[in-house]
Amino acid sequence: MTIQFDILQLIEVGKIQNELDFERALIADRKLRILSKENSNTKTV
């Protein structure tokens, strides 16, 4: 799943280096909130 790949890529880096990373992190946060309601596996991410 590309959504999880993008999120895991952000997590692996471990820090926000620029504004683009910040925007991606915000989007990932929103996606994880939605996905965690549907799939309990995403709650750990």
N, C-alpha and C. Protein backbone atom coordinates (compact mmCIF):
# COMPACT_ATOMS: atom_id res chain seq x y z
N MET A 1 0.85 -1.18 0.00
CA MET A 1 0.00 0.00 0.00
C MET A 1 0.90 1.25 0.00
N THR A 2 0.68 2.13 -0.90
CA THR A 2 1.54 3.30 -1.04
C THR A 2 1.38 4.27 0.13
N ILE A 3 0.22 4.32 0.71
CA ILE A 3 0.01 5.23 1.84
C ILE A 3 0.92 4.84 2.99
N GLN A 4 0.93 3.56 3.33
CA GLN A 4 1.78 3.12 4.43
C GLN A 4 3.25 3.29 4.09
N PHE A 5 3.62 3.08 2.84
CA PHE A 5 5.01 3.24 2.45
C PHE A 5 5.47 4.68 2.66
N ASP A 6 4.65 5.63 2.26
CA ASP A 6 4.99 7.04 2.44
C ASP A 6 5.14 7.38 3.92
N ILE A 7 4.25 6.87 4.72
CA ILE A 7 4.27 7.14 6.15
C ILE A 7 5.50 6.50 6.79
N LEU A 8 5.78 5.26 6.42
CA LEU A 8 6.94 4.59 6.99
C LEU A 8 8.24 5.26 6.57
N GLN A 9 8.26 5.80 5.39
CA GLN A 9 9.45 6.51 4.92
C GLN A 9 9.69 7.76 5.79
N LEU A 10 8.63 8.45 6.13
CA LEU A 10 8.76 9.62 7.01
C LEU A 10 9.24 9.20 8.40
N ILE A 11 8.73 8.09 8.88
CA ILE A 11 9.10 7.63 10.23
C ILE A 11 10.56 7.21 10.27
N GLU A 12 11.04 6.56 9.20
CA GLU A 12 12.43 6.11 9.17
C GLU A 12 13.42 7.27 9.24
N VAL A 13 13.09 8.37 8.58
CA VAL A 13 13.98 9.54 8.60
C VAL A 13 14.07 10.07 10.04
N GLY A 14 12.96 10.12 10.72
CA GLY A 14 12.95 10.49 12.13
C GLY A 14 12.91 11.98 12.43
N LYS A 15 12.99 12.81 11.41
CA LYS A 15 12.90 14.25 11.66
C LYS A 15 12.37 14.95 10.42
N ILE A 16 11.82 16.11 10.64
CA ILE A 16 11.30 16.93 9.56
C ILE A 16 12.40 17.91 9.17
N GLN A 17 12.82 17.82 7.91
CA GLN A 17 13.96 18.61 7.48
C GLN A 17 13.58 19.88 6.73
N ASN A 18 12.38 19.92 6.18
CA ASN A 18 11.99 21.10 5.42
C ASN A 18 10.46 21.21 5.42
N GLU A 19 9.96 22.21 4.74
CA GLU A 19 8.52 22.46 4.74
C GLU A 19 7.76 21.35 4.01
N LEU A 20 8.35 20.78 2.99
CA LEU A 20 7.71 19.69 2.27
C LEU A 20 7.52 18.47 3.17
N ASP A 21 8.52 18.13 3.95
CA ASP A 21 8.40 17.04 4.91
C ASP A 21 7.32 17.33 5.94
N PHE A 22 7.23 18.59 6.35
CA PHE A 22 6.20 18.99 7.30
C PHE A 22 4.80 18.77 6.73
N GLU A 23 4.60 19.17 5.50
CA GLU A 23 3.30 18.99 4.85
C GLU A 23 2.97 17.51 4.69
N ARG A 24 3.97 16.73 4.33
CA ARG A 24 3.76 15.28 4.19
C ARG A 24 3.40 14.66 5.54
N ALA A 25 4.03 15.11 6.60
CA ALA A 25 3.74 14.59 7.93
C ALA A 25 2.31 14.94 8.35
N LEU A 26 1.86 16.14 8.02
CA LEU A 26 0.48 16.52 8.34
C LEU A 26 -0.52 15.64 7.60
N ILE A 27 -0.24 15.40 6.33
CA ILE A 27 -1.13 14.54 5.54
C ILE A 27 -1.11 13.12 6.08
N ALA A 28 0.07 12.63 6.41
CA ALA A 28 0.19 11.28 6.95
C ALA A 28 -0.57 11.15 8.26
N ASP A 29 -0.51 12.18 9.09
CA ASP A 29 -1.24 12.16 10.36
C ASP A 29 -2.74 12.04 10.12
N ARG A 30 -3.24 12.81 9.17
CA ARG A 30 -4.67 12.74 8.86
C ARG A 30 -5.06 11.37 8.32
N LYS A 31 -4.23 10.82 7.44
CA LYS A 31 -4.51 9.50 6.87
C LYS A 31 -4.49 8.42 7.94
N LEU A 32 -3.53 8.52 8.86
CA LEU A 32 -3.44 7.52 9.92
C LEU A 32 -4.64 7.58 10.85
N ARG A 33 -5.12 8.76 11.12
CA ARG A 33 -6.31 8.88 11.98
C ARG A 33 -7.51 8.20 11.34
N ILE A 34 -7.67 8.38 10.04
CA ILE A 34 -8.78 7.76 9.33
C ILE A 34 -8.58 6.26 9.23
N LEU A 35 -7.38 5.84 8.86
CA LEU A 35 -7.11 4.42 8.68
C LEU A 35 -7.18 3.65 10.00
N SER A 36 -6.80 4.27 11.10
CA SER A 36 -6.82 3.57 12.38
C SER A 36 -8.24 3.22 12.83
N LYS A 37 -9.20 3.99 12.37
CA LYS A 37 -10.60 3.66 12.69
C LYS A 37 -11.06 2.43 11.91
N GLU A 38 -10.49 2.23 10.71
CA GLU A 38 -10.88 1.11 9.87
C GLU A 38 -10.03 -0.13 10.10
N ASN A 39 -8.76 0.07 10.43
CA ASN A 39 -7.82 -1.05 10.52
C ASN A 39 -6.98 -0.87 11.78
N SER A 40 -7.07 -1.83 12.68
CA SER A 40 -6.36 -1.71 13.94
C SER A 40 -4.84 -1.84 13.78
N ASN A 41 -4.36 -2.39 12.66
CA ASN A 41 -2.91 -2.52 12.44
C ASN A 41 -2.25 -1.16 12.29
N THR A 42 -2.96 -0.16 11.82
CA THR A 42 -2.36 1.15 11.61
C THR A 42 -2.26 1.95 12.91
N LYS A 43 -2.90 1.50 13.97
CA LYS A 43 -2.80 2.21 15.24
C LYS A 43 -1.38 2.20 15.78
N THR A 44 -0.64 1.13 15.50
CA THR A 44 0.75 1.06 16.00
C THR A 44 1.66 2.02 15.27
N VAL A 45 1.36 2.33 14.00
CA VAL A 45 2.19 3.25 13.24
C VAL A 45 2.01 4.64 13.80
